[in-house]
Amino acid sequence: MRGEVLGFERRRRWNDDDKLAIVSSVGIDGATVTHVAHRHDVTRQQIYRWRHELKKKGLWPTGEGAVFLPIDFHVADVVSSASEPTPPSAVELSLNNGRCLRFDTGVEAAALTRLIRAVEAA
């Protein structure tokens, strides 16, 4: 039996950073595994395999816990916006047993804590 090779075989090597970037792009702007696989010309199974490998290496979170992302902001921007007084707004807090507490944002945290404890204890 004689076989022919049509075209050429391409075997690409992916480093962990590239794999992590591709696997992390799933879910961003609604991208599914199928969309990401098609975009990078790999199979869906390859993305699942990479995710499994990255988990084993400790480069991908194993649970459904919180994911922390770096945020870059300037302290001067935060200070200037915090100096402007904001008008109090109404807040409604649902407590146990169907109780509801309504207050405005001008309430001090310590007073609010005492109030919640008193309502919960009643």
C-alpha atoms as a PDB file:
ATOM      1  CA  MET A   1       0.000   0.000   0.000  1.00  0.00           C
ATOM      2  CA  ARG A   2       1.310   3.391  -0.915  1.00  0.00           C
ATOM      3  CA  GLY A   3       0.460   6.514   1.033  1.00  0.00           C
ATOM      4  CA  GLU A   4       0.833  10.149   0.160  1.00  0.00           C
ATOM      5  CA  VAL A   5       1.191  13.114   2.430  1.00  0.00           C
ATOM      6  CA  LEU A   6      -0.918  16.001   1.288  1.00  0.00           C
ATOM      7  CA  GLY A   7       0.457  19.299   2.473  1.00  0.00           C
ATOM      8  CA  PHE A   8       2.908  19.514   5.310  1.00  0.00           C
ATOM      9  CA  GLU A   9       2.599  18.598   8.932  1.00  0.00           C
ATOM     10  CA  ARG A  10       3.067  21.397  11.375  1.00  0.00           C
ATOM     11  CA  ARG A  11       3.805  20.659  14.949  1.00  0.00           C
ATOM     12  CA  ARG A  12       3.908  23.759  17.038  1.00  0.00           C
ATOM     13  CA  ARG A  13       5.477  24.115  20.441  1.00  0.00           C
ATOM     14  CA  TRP A  14       3.620  26.208  22.993  1.00  0.00           C
ATOM     15  CA  ASN A  15       5.264  27.555  26.122  1.00  0.00           C
ATOM     16  CA  ASP A  16       3.354  27.793  29.406  1.00  0.00           C
ATOM     17  CA  ASP A  17       2.778  31.553  29.054  1.00  0.00           C
ATOM     18  CA  ASP A  18       1.132  31.113  25.656  1.00  0.00           C
ATOM     19  CA  LYS A  19      -0.975  28.206  26.926  1.00  0.00           C
ATOM     20  CA  LEU A  20      -2.047  30.227  29.955  1.00  0.00           C
ATOM     21  CA  ALA A  21      -2.996  33.210  27.778  1.00  0.00           C
ATOM     22  CA  ILE A  22      -5.072  31.031  25.455  1.00  0.00           C
ATOM     23  CA  VAL A  23      -6.806  29.113  28.261  1.00  0.00           C
ATOM     24  CA  SER A  24      -7.482  32.352  30.156  1.00  0.00           C
ATOM     25  CA  SER A  25      -9.170  33.914  27.129  1.00  0.00           C
ATOM     26  CA  VAL A  26     -12.082  31.467  27.439  1.00  0.00           C
ATOM     27  CA  GLY A  27     -15.054  33.347  28.849  1.00  0.00           C
ATOM     28  CA  ILE A  28     -13.786  36.835  28.072  1.00  0.00           C
ATOM     29  CA  ASP A  29     -16.421  38.741  26.079  1.00  0.00           C
ATOM     30  CA  GLY A  30     -18.452  35.523  25.924  1.00  0.00           C
ATOM     31  CA  ALA A  31     -15.757  33.514  24.127  1.00  0.00           C
ATOM     32  CA  THR A  32     -16.407  29.775  24.327  1.00  0.00           C
ATOM     33  CA  VAL A  33     -13.802  27.031  24.201  1.00  0.00           C
ATOM     34  CA  THR A  34     -14.815  26.385  20.609  1.00  0.00           C
ATOM     35  CA  HIS A  35     -14.318  30.040  19.624  1.00  0.00           C
ATOM     36  CA  VAL A  36     -10.920  30.233  21.320  1.00  0.00           C
ATOM     37  CA  ALA A  37      -9.786  26.935  19.788  1.00  0.00           C
ATOM     38  CA  HIS A  38     -10.801  28.091  16.333  1.00  0.00           C
ATOM     39  CA  ARG A  39      -9.107  31.477  16.813  1.00  0.00           C
ATOM     40  CA  HIS A  40      -5.782  29.843  17.742  1.00  0.00           C
ATOM     41  CA  ASP A  41      -6.128  26.909  15.330  1.00  0.00           C
ATOM     42  CA  VAL A  42      -6.076  24.207  18.005  1.00  0.00           C
ATOM     43  CA  THR A  43      -8.656  21.637  19.044  1.00  0.00           C
ATOM     44  CA  ARG A  44     -11.083  22.058  21.931  1.00  0.00           C
ATOM     45  CA  GLN A  45      -9.520  19.005  23.565  1.00  0.00           C
ATOM     46  CA  GLN A  46      -6.115  20.687  23.407  1.00  0.00           C
ATOM     47  CA  ILE A  47      -7.429  23.624  25.452  1.00  0.00           C
ATOM     48  CA  TYR A  48      -8.916  21.266  28.038  1.00  0.00           C
ATOM     49  CA  ARG A  49      -5.618  19.311  28.159  1.00  0.00           C
ATOM     50  CA  TRP A  50      -3.618  22.532  28.601  1.00  0.00           C
ATOM     51  CA  ARG A  51      -5.901  23.630  31.437  1.00  0.00           C
ATOM     52  CA  HIS A  52      -5.361  20.272  33.142  1.00  0.00           C
ATOM     53  CA  GLU A  53      -1.567  20.548  32.682  1.00  0.00           C
ATOM     54  CA  LEU A  54      -1.533  24.121  33.997  1.00  0.00           C
ATOM     55  CA  LYS A  55      -3.502  23.020  37.073  1.00  0.00           C
ATOM     56  CA  LYS A  56      -0.944  20.268  37.738  1.00  0.00           C
ATOM     57  CA  LYS A  57       1.887  22.802  37.468  1.00  0.00           C
ATOM     58  CA  GLY A  58       0.078  25.216  39.799  1.00  0.00           C
ATOM     59  CA  LEU A  59      -0.302  27.886  37.127  1.00  0.00           C
ATOM     60  CA  TRP A  60      -4.109  27.660  36.937  1.00  0.00           C
ATOM     61  CA  PRO A  61      -6.477  27.937  39.927  1.00  0.00           C
ATOM     62  CA  THR A  62      -7.862  24.507  40.831  1.00  0.00           C
ATOM     63  CA  GLY A  63     -11.077  25.603  42.537  1.00  0.00           C
ATOM     64  CA  GLU A  64     -13.946  27.935  41.894  1.00  0.00           C
ATOM     65  CA  GLY A  65     -12.591  30.425  44.432  1.00  0.00           C
ATOM     66  CA  ALA A  66     -11.820  34.073  43.998  1.00  0.00           C
ATOM     67  CA  VAL A  67      -9.460  35.207  41.291  1.00  0.00           C
ATOM     68  CA  PHE A  68      -7.405  38.288  42.073  1.00  0.00           C
ATOM     69  CA  LEU A  69      -6.453  40.580  39.242  1.00  0.00           C
ATOM     70  CA  PRO A  70      -3.968  43.444  39.454  1.00  0.00           C
ATOM     71  CA  ILE A  71      -5.448  46.937  39.364  1.00  0.00           C
ATOM     72  CA  ASP A  72      -3.412  49.973  38.453  1.00  0.00           C
ATOM     73  CA  PHE A  73      -4.706  53.284  39.799  1.00  0.00           C
ATOM     74  CA  HIS A  74      -3.214  56.487  41.050  1.00  0.00           C
ATOM     75  CA  VAL A  75      -3.670  57.555  44.668  1.00  0.00           C
ATOM     76  CA  ALA A  76      -4.143  61.194  43.624  1.00  0.00           C
ATOM     77  CA  ASP A  77      -7.223  60.216  41.573  1.00  0.00           C
ATOM     78  CA  VAL A  78      -8.751  58.378  44.523  1.00  0.00           C
ATOM     79  CA  VAL A  79      -8.060  61.182  46.997  1.00  0.00           C
ATOM     80  CA  SER A  80      -9.515  63.870  44.750  1.00  0.00           C
ATOM     81  CA  SER A  81     -12.707  61.920  44.099  1.00  0.00           C
ATOM     82  CA  ALA A  82     -13.086  61.024  47.793  1.00  0.00           C
ATOM     83  CA  SER A  83     -12.956  64.683  48.848  1.00  0.00           C
ATOM     84  CA  GLU A  84     -16.186  65.484  47.003  1.00  0.00           C
ATOM     85  CA  PRO A  85     -19.152  64.917  49.327  1.00  0.00           C
ATOM     86  CA  THR A  86     -21.760  62.541  48.001  1.00  0.00           C
ATOM     87  CA  PRO A  87     -25.383  62.953  48.964  1.00  0.00           C
ATOM     88  CA  PRO A  88     -26.720  60.147  51.149  1.00  0.00           C
ATOM     89  CA  SER A  89     -28.748  57.534  49.359  1.00  0.00           C
ATOM     90  CA  ALA A  90     -31.289  55.046  50.660  1.00  0.00           C
ATOM     91  CA  VAL A  91     -30.197  51.478  51.403  1.00  0.00           C
ATOM     92  CA  GLU A  92     -32.430  48.523  52.176  1.00  0.00           C
ATOM     93  CA  LEU A  93     -30.930  45.555  54.011  1.00  0.00           C
ATOM     94  CA  SER A  94     -32.815  42.249  54.206  1.00  0.00           C
ATOM     95  CA  LEU A  95     -32.160  40.383  57.437  1.00  0.00           C
ATOM     96  CA  ASN A  96     -33.068  36.916  58.702  1.00  0.00           C
ATOM     97  CA  ASN A  97     -36.712  35.947  59.201  1.00  0.00           C
ATOM     98  CA  GLY A  98     -37.898  38.440  56.589  1.00  0.00           C
ATOM     99  CA  ARG A  99     -36.866  41.510  58.549  1.00  0.00           C
ATOM    100  CA  CYS A 100     -35.892  44.589  56.588  1.00  0.00           C
ATOM    101  CA  LEU A 101     -33.776  47.540  57.675  1.00  0.00           C
ATOM    102  CA  ARG A 102     -33.887  50.843  55.775  1.00  0.00           C
ATOM    103  CA  PHE A 103     -31.244  53.530  56.332  1.00  0.00           C
ATOM    104  CA  ASP A 104     -29.181  56.017  54.398  1.00  0.00           C
ATOM    105  CA  THR A 105     -25.492  55.849  53.584  1.00  0.00           C
ATOM    106  CA  GLY A 106     -24.724  58.572  56.118  1.00  0.00           C
ATOM    107  CA  VAL A 107     -25.119  56.120  59.037  1.00  0.00           C
ATOM    108  CA  GLU A 108     -21.858  55.356  60.835  1.00  0.00           C
ATOM    109  CA  ALA A 109     -20.639  51.766  60.608  1.00  0.00           C
ATOM    110  CA  ALA A 110     -20.538  51.232  64.392  1.00  0.00           C
ATOM    111  CA  ALA A 111     -24.105  52.502  64.828  1.00  0.00           C
ATOM    112  CA  LEU A 112     -25.315  50.341  61.961  1.00  0.00           C
ATOM    113  CA  THR A 113     -23.651  47.271  63.459  1.00  0.00           C
ATOM    114  CA  ARG A 114     -25.349  47.885  66.817  1.00  0.00           C
ATOM    115  CA  LEU A 115     -28.689  48.378  65.083  1.00  0.00           C
ATOM    116  CA  ILE A 116     -28.385  45.158  63.079  1.00  0.00           C
ATOM    117  CA  ARG A 117     -27.451  43.181  66.199  1.00  0.00           C
ATOM    118  CA  ALA A 118     -30.412  44.642  68.087  1.00  0.00           C
ATOM    119  CA  VAL A 119     -32.869  43.807  65.314  1.00  0.00           C
ATOM    120  CA  GLU A 120     -31.452  40.289  64.916  1.00  0.00           C
ATOM    121  CA  ALA A 121     -31.694  39.669  68.671  1.00  0.00           C
ATOM    122  CA  ALA A 122     -35.350  40.809  68.847  1.00  0.00           C
END
